[in-house]
């Protein structure tokens, strides 16, 4: 996964770690959400929650079937910023 355009270094590292793990369904679901965000940011934004951070607005989109995992992304590009469990 490393080095893909549209992904922060943090997101790359997190996805690489999940890919090395045993939950291949989670990894595939995360990639599906990431691909949806990158291909359809307007639709993804309408399905996301917004968070205001010191660095600006981040969007949070749930990973279907894998609660509590979320994909955090910015509209800058768009770009996947992070993926991790979040309540």
Protein backbone atom coordinates (compact mmCIF):
# COMPACT_ATOMS: atom_id res chain seq x y z
CA UNK A 1 0.00 0.00 0.00
CA UNK A 2 2.92 2.34 0.67
CA UNK A 3 3.50 5.38 -1.50
CA UNK A 4 0.06 5.69 -3.12
CA UNK A 5 -1.08 9.15 -4.17
CA UNK A 6 -4.02 10.38 -2.16
CA UNK A 7 -2.84 8.81 1.11
CA UNK A 8 -0.94 10.45 3.96
CA UNK A 9 2.12 8.70 5.36
CA UNK A 10 0.12 7.97 8.51
CA UNK A 11 -2.70 6.32 6.53
CA UNK A 12 -0.17 4.34 4.47
CA UNK A 13 1.47 3.03 7.63
CA UNK A 14 -1.86 2.14 9.25
CA UNK A 15 -3.09 0.32 6.14
CA UNK A 16 0.22 -1.54 5.78
CA UNK A 17 -0.08 -2.73 9.38
CA UNK A 18 -3.67 -3.90 8.88
CA UNK A 19 -2.69 -5.63 5.62
CA UNK A 20 -0.03 -7.63 7.52
CA UNK A 21 -2.64 -8.71 10.06
CA UNK A 22 -5.11 -11.59 9.99
CA UNK A 23 -8.29 -9.66 9.20
CA UNK A 24 -8.29 -9.57 5.40
CA UNK A 25 -11.99 -8.64 5.29
CA UNK A 26 -11.24 -5.49 7.31
CA UNK A 27 -8.39 -4.56 4.98
CA UNK A 28 -10.58 -5.04 1.90
CA UNK A 29 -13.42 -3.02 3.45
CA UNK A 30 -11.03 -0.19 4.33
CA UNK A 31 -9.73 -0.11 0.76
CA UNK A 32 -13.29 -0.04 -0.57
CA UNK A 33 -14.10 3.01 1.57
CA UNK A 34 -10.84 4.72 0.64
CA UNK A 35 -11.44 4.12 -3.07
CA UNK A 36 -15.00 5.47 -2.74
CA UNK A 37 -13.73 8.64 -1.02
CA UNK A 38 -11.05 9.25 -3.64
CA UNK A 39 -13.32 8.54 -6.60
CA UNK A 40 -16.46 10.29 -5.31
CA UNK A 41 -15.51 12.93 -2.71
CA UNK A 42 -18.78 14.83 -3.03
CA UNK A 43 -20.86 11.72 -2.35
CA UNK A 44 -18.46 10.63 0.40
CA UNK A 45 -18.71 14.04 2.06
CA UNK A 46 -22.50 13.81 2.18
CA UNK A 47 -22.18 10.45 4.00
CA UNK A 48 -19.42 11.58 6.39
CA UNK A 49 -19.33 13.34 9.71
CA UNK A 50 -17.14 16.44 9.91
CA UNK A 51 -14.59 17.13 12.63
CA UNK A 52 -12.91 20.48 13.17
CA UNK A 53 -9.24 20.09 14.07
CA UNK A 54 -6.37 22.53 14.52
CA UNK A 55 -5.37 21.67 10.93
CA UNK A 56 -8.84 22.22 9.47
CA UNK A 57 -11.86 20.09 8.74
CA UNK A 58 -11.53 16.33 8.54
CA UNK A 59 -14.28 14.00 7.41
CA UNK A 60 -14.99 10.67 9.08
CA UNK A 61 -16.64 7.80 7.24
CA UNK A 62 -17.58 4.49 8.89
CA UNK A 63 -16.37 1.20 7.44
CA UNK A 64 -19.51 -0.91 6.89
CA UNK A 65 -19.49 -4.17 8.83
CA UNK A 66 -16.35 -3.24 10.77
CA UNK A 67 -17.44 -1.03 13.65
CA UNK A 68 -15.68 0.94 15.13
CA UNK A 69 -13.24 1.44 12.21
CA UNK A 70 -13.42 4.79 10.42
CA UNK A 71 -11.61 6.40 7.51
CA UNK A 72 -10.54 9.98 8.16
CA UNK A 73 -10.02 12.12 5.09
CA UNK A 74 -9.57 15.69 3.96
CA UNK A 75 -11.06 17.44 0.97
CA UNK A 76 -7.53 18.55 0.02
CA UNK A 77 -7.07 16.42 -3.04
CA UNK A 78 -9.03 14.49 -1.58
CA UNK A 79 -6.62 12.63 0.66
CA UNK A 80 -6.98 9.76 3.12
CA UNK A 81 -5.43 10.98 6.37
CA UNK A 82 -5.88 8.03 8.76
CA UNK A 83 -7.75 4.77 9.41
CA UNK A 84 -8.38 3.43 12.90
CA UNK A 85 -11.07 2.36 15.38
CA UNK A 86 -13.01 5.37 16.61
CA UNK A 87 -16.21 5.29 18.66
